[in-house]
N, C-alpha and C. Protein backbone atom coordinates (compact mmCIF):
# COMPACT_ATOMS: atom_id res chain seq x y z
N MET A 1 10.94 -3.29 -97.00
CA MET A 1 10.44 -4.63 -97.29
C MET A 1 11.08 -5.16 -98.57
N ILE A 2 11.48 -6.40 -98.51
CA ILE A 2 12.07 -7.04 -99.67
C ILE A 2 11.01 -7.85 -100.38
N LEU A 3 10.84 -7.58 -101.66
CA LEU A 3 9.87 -8.33 -102.45
C LEU A 3 10.47 -9.63 -102.92
N LYS A 4 9.62 -10.61 -103.23
CA LYS A 4 10.12 -11.91 -103.72
C LYS A 4 10.99 -11.69 -104.98
N ALA A 5 10.60 -10.77 -105.82
CA ALA A 5 11.36 -10.54 -107.03
C ALA A 5 12.80 -10.12 -106.74
N PHE A 6 12.94 -9.22 -105.77
CA PHE A 6 14.28 -8.80 -105.38
C PHE A 6 15.05 -9.99 -104.77
N ALA A 7 14.37 -10.67 -103.87
CA ALA A 7 15.01 -11.78 -103.13
C ALA A 7 15.49 -12.85 -104.11
N SER A 8 14.71 -13.16 -105.15
CA SER A 8 15.07 -14.23 -106.08
C SER A 8 16.38 -13.92 -106.81
N VAL A 9 16.55 -12.64 -107.16
CA VAL A 9 17.78 -12.24 -107.84
C VAL A 9 18.94 -12.10 -106.88
N LEU A 10 18.66 -11.55 -105.70
CA LEU A 10 19.75 -11.29 -104.78
C LEU A 10 20.14 -12.52 -103.93
N LYS A 11 19.30 -13.59 -104.04
CA LYS A 11 19.56 -14.80 -103.27
C LYS A 11 20.96 -15.32 -103.46
N ASN A 12 21.42 -15.34 -104.68
CA ASN A 12 22.76 -15.87 -104.99
C ASN A 12 23.67 -14.80 -105.50
N ASP A 13 23.53 -13.56 -105.01
CA ASP A 13 24.35 -12.49 -105.52
C ASP A 13 25.81 -12.69 -105.25
N ASN A 14 26.18 -13.29 -104.12
CA ASN A 14 27.57 -13.56 -103.82
C ASN A 14 28.13 -14.50 -104.87
N ALA A 15 27.44 -15.60 -105.17
CA ALA A 15 27.85 -16.60 -106.16
C ALA A 15 27.93 -15.93 -107.54
N ARG A 16 26.94 -15.09 -107.86
CA ARG A 16 26.90 -14.43 -109.15
C ARG A 16 28.10 -13.46 -109.31
N ARG A 17 28.40 -12.76 -108.22
CA ARG A 17 29.53 -11.86 -108.23
C ARG A 17 30.85 -12.63 -108.45
N GLU A 18 30.98 -13.77 -107.76
CA GLU A 18 32.19 -14.57 -107.88
C GLU A 18 32.28 -15.23 -109.27
N GLU A 19 31.14 -15.62 -109.83
CA GLU A 19 31.10 -16.18 -111.20
C GLU A 19 31.64 -15.16 -112.20
N ASN A 20 31.32 -13.90 -111.97
CA ASN A 20 31.83 -12.84 -112.84
C ASN A 20 33.23 -12.40 -112.49
N GLY A 21 33.86 -13.09 -111.57
CA GLY A 21 35.23 -12.82 -111.21
C GLY A 21 35.45 -11.50 -110.50
N LEU A 22 34.40 -11.05 -109.79
CA LEU A 22 34.46 -9.77 -109.10
C LEU A 22 34.64 -9.95 -107.60
N THR A 23 35.49 -9.13 -107.04
CA THR A 23 35.57 -9.04 -105.58
C THR A 23 34.51 -8.02 -105.13
N MET A 24 34.28 -7.98 -103.79
CA MET A 24 33.35 -6.97 -103.30
C MET A 24 33.84 -5.58 -103.66
N ARG A 25 35.13 -5.38 -103.56
CA ARG A 25 35.71 -4.03 -103.85
C ARG A 25 35.52 -3.66 -105.31
N GLN A 26 35.70 -4.63 -106.22
CA GLN A 26 35.48 -4.32 -107.67
C GLN A 26 34.01 -4.01 -107.95
N LEU A 27 33.11 -4.76 -107.36
CA LEU A 27 31.67 -4.49 -107.55
C LEU A 27 31.34 -3.13 -106.96
N ALA A 28 31.89 -2.83 -105.81
CA ALA A 28 31.68 -1.53 -105.17
C ALA A 28 32.15 -0.42 -106.08
N GLU A 29 33.31 -0.60 -106.75
CA GLU A 29 33.77 0.44 -107.67
C GLU A 29 32.83 0.64 -108.83
N ARG A 30 32.28 -0.43 -109.32
CA ARG A 30 31.30 -0.33 -110.44
C ARG A 30 30.07 0.49 -110.01
N LEU A 31 29.68 0.35 -108.72
CA LEU A 31 28.53 1.01 -108.24
C LEU A 31 28.79 2.34 -107.54
N ASP A 32 30.08 2.64 -107.40
CA ASP A 32 30.50 3.87 -106.71
C ASP A 32 30.01 3.94 -105.28
N VAL A 33 30.19 2.80 -104.60
CA VAL A 33 29.80 2.68 -103.16
C VAL A 33 30.99 2.11 -102.43
N HIS A 34 30.91 2.09 -101.10
CA HIS A 34 31.97 1.50 -100.26
C HIS A 34 31.74 -0.01 -100.30
N HIS A 35 32.86 -0.79 -100.22
CA HIS A 35 32.74 -2.24 -100.28
C HIS A 35 31.91 -2.80 -99.14
N SER A 36 31.85 -2.12 -97.99
CA SER A 36 31.03 -2.61 -96.87
C SER A 36 29.56 -2.60 -97.27
N TRP A 37 29.17 -1.70 -98.13
CA TRP A 37 27.78 -1.62 -98.59
C TRP A 37 27.43 -2.92 -99.32
N ILE A 38 28.35 -3.43 -100.15
CA ILE A 38 28.15 -4.70 -100.89
C ILE A 38 27.99 -5.83 -99.88
N GLY A 39 28.87 -5.83 -98.86
CA GLY A 39 28.79 -6.89 -97.82
C GLY A 39 27.48 -6.90 -97.11
N ARG A 40 26.93 -5.72 -96.80
CA ARG A 40 25.64 -5.67 -96.12
C ARG A 40 24.51 -6.12 -97.04
N VAL A 41 24.59 -5.80 -98.33
CA VAL A 41 23.61 -6.28 -99.30
C VAL A 41 23.65 -7.81 -99.40
N GLU A 42 24.85 -8.36 -99.48
CA GLU A 42 24.99 -9.81 -99.61
C GLU A 42 24.54 -10.56 -98.36
N LEU A 43 24.68 -9.95 -97.19
CA LEU A 43 24.22 -10.56 -95.98
C LEU A 43 22.73 -10.33 -95.66
N GLY A 44 22.11 -9.52 -96.51
CA GLY A 44 20.69 -9.22 -96.31
C GLY A 44 20.46 -8.18 -95.25
N GLU A 45 21.52 -7.48 -94.85
CA GLU A 45 21.44 -6.41 -93.83
C GLU A 45 21.05 -5.09 -94.42
N ARG A 46 21.19 -4.97 -95.74
CA ARG A 46 20.90 -3.68 -96.43
C ARG A 46 19.89 -3.95 -97.47
N ARG A 47 18.76 -3.23 -97.41
CA ARG A 47 17.72 -3.36 -98.38
C ARG A 47 17.95 -2.41 -99.52
N LEU A 48 17.52 -2.83 -100.69
CA LEU A 48 17.74 -1.98 -101.90
C LEU A 48 16.39 -1.43 -102.35
N ASP A 49 16.41 -0.14 -102.75
CA ASP A 49 15.18 0.38 -103.40
C ASP A 49 15.23 -0.06 -104.85
N VAL A 50 14.20 0.26 -105.60
CA VAL A 50 14.10 -0.24 -106.97
C VAL A 50 15.26 0.22 -107.85
N MET A 51 15.63 1.45 -107.76
CA MET A 51 16.74 1.96 -108.59
C MET A 51 18.07 1.35 -108.20
N GLU A 52 18.31 1.16 -106.91
CA GLU A 52 19.50 0.50 -106.48
C GLU A 52 19.55 -0.94 -106.95
N PHE A 53 18.40 -1.61 -106.88
CA PHE A 53 18.29 -3.00 -107.36
C PHE A 53 18.66 -3.10 -108.80
N VAL A 54 18.13 -2.22 -109.68
CA VAL A 54 18.45 -2.27 -111.08
C VAL A 54 19.91 -1.99 -111.33
N ARG A 55 20.48 -0.98 -110.68
CA ARG A 55 21.92 -0.71 -110.82
C ARG A 55 22.77 -1.88 -110.37
N TYR A 56 22.38 -2.50 -109.25
CA TYR A 56 23.08 -3.64 -108.71
C TYR A 56 23.08 -4.83 -109.72
N CYS A 57 21.90 -5.11 -110.24
CA CYS A 57 21.76 -6.14 -111.24
C CYS A 57 22.63 -5.91 -112.45
N HIS A 58 22.60 -4.67 -112.96
CA HIS A 58 23.42 -4.33 -114.12
C HIS A 58 24.93 -4.46 -113.81
N ALA A 59 25.33 -4.07 -112.64
CA ALA A 59 26.74 -4.20 -112.26
C ALA A 59 27.13 -5.70 -112.22
N LEU A 60 26.19 -6.57 -111.87
CA LEU A 60 26.44 -8.01 -111.84
C LEU A 60 26.21 -8.66 -113.19
N GLU A 61 25.80 -7.87 -114.18
CA GLU A 61 25.47 -8.40 -115.52
C GLU A 61 24.30 -9.35 -115.39
N ALA A 62 23.36 -9.05 -114.53
CA ALA A 62 22.15 -9.85 -114.33
C ALA A 62 20.93 -9.10 -114.86
N ASP A 63 19.92 -9.86 -115.21
CA ASP A 63 18.68 -9.27 -115.68
C ASP A 63 17.83 -8.85 -114.51
N PRO A 64 17.53 -7.56 -114.34
CA PRO A 64 16.71 -7.18 -113.21
C PRO A 64 15.28 -7.65 -113.24
N THR A 65 14.81 -8.10 -114.38
CA THR A 65 13.43 -8.63 -114.47
C THR A 65 13.35 -10.08 -114.09
N GLU A 66 14.51 -10.76 -113.88
CA GLU A 66 14.51 -12.12 -113.47
C GLU A 66 13.80 -12.21 -112.14
N GLY A 67 12.82 -13.09 -112.05
CA GLY A 67 12.05 -13.20 -110.81
C GLY A 67 10.82 -12.34 -110.78
N ILE A 68 10.74 -11.41 -111.70
CA ILE A 68 9.56 -10.55 -111.78
C ILE A 68 8.63 -11.01 -112.86
N ILE A 69 9.17 -11.46 -113.99
CA ILE A 69 8.38 -11.94 -115.10
C ILE A 69 8.60 -13.43 -115.24
N ASP A 70 7.51 -14.19 -115.30
CA ASP A 70 7.66 -15.62 -115.43
C ASP A 70 7.93 -16.02 -116.87
N PRO A 71 8.23 -17.27 -117.13
CA PRO A 71 8.56 -17.69 -118.50
C PRO A 71 7.45 -17.46 -119.47
N ALA A 72 6.20 -17.36 -119.06
CA ALA A 72 5.10 -17.11 -119.99
C ALA A 72 4.93 -15.61 -120.21
N HIS A 73 5.89 -14.79 -119.69
CA HIS A 73 5.89 -13.34 -119.79
C HIS A 73 4.68 -12.71 -119.15
N LYS A 74 4.21 -13.32 -118.10
CA LYS A 74 3.15 -12.74 -117.32
C LYS A 74 3.81 -12.26 -116.03
N TYR A 75 3.25 -11.22 -115.47
CA TYR A 75 3.77 -10.70 -114.24
C TYR A 75 3.55 -11.64 -113.07
N CYS A 76 4.53 -11.92 -112.27
CA CYS A 76 4.37 -12.76 -111.09
C CYS A 76 3.65 -11.93 -110.04
N ASP A 77 3.37 -12.52 -108.93
CA ASP A 77 2.77 -11.83 -107.83
C ASP A 77 3.80 -10.91 -107.18
N PHE A 78 4.06 -9.80 -107.82
CA PHE A 78 5.11 -8.89 -107.48
C PHE A 78 5.04 -8.38 -106.05
N PHE A 79 3.86 -8.31 -105.52
CA PHE A 79 3.74 -7.71 -104.17
C PHE A 79 3.64 -8.73 -103.07
N GLN A 80 3.86 -10.00 -103.40
CA GLN A 80 3.89 -11.00 -102.36
C GLN A 80 5.18 -10.87 -101.57
N MET A 81 5.08 -10.74 -100.32
CA MET A 81 6.25 -10.46 -99.46
C MET A 81 6.97 -11.73 -99.10
N VAL A 82 8.25 -11.62 -98.84
CA VAL A 82 9.09 -12.75 -98.40
C VAL A 82 8.97 -12.85 -96.88
C-alpha cells in the first residue's frame, strides 16, 4: 500500500530526477539497483518500503519527510491511504 506521504514525494520523482540532471541509469547506480527498477518506481508499478523510500529520496536529494510533516510541524494523517 502506498501512503499519501510516499505518493506526495514520488508524484514528481521523474521531474525531480531530471531537475537533478540524472538519468534513470545514474539514479540506479546511486541506489545500486537495475535501471528498470527506477522505471517501475516512476511508473507506480513498484512500491517502496520505508527504507527504500528514504534511500530513494536521499539519492534524489529530496527530503523524505516532505509530505509527512506539515508546515506547522505536526504530523499529517500518515495512515490515510491513496
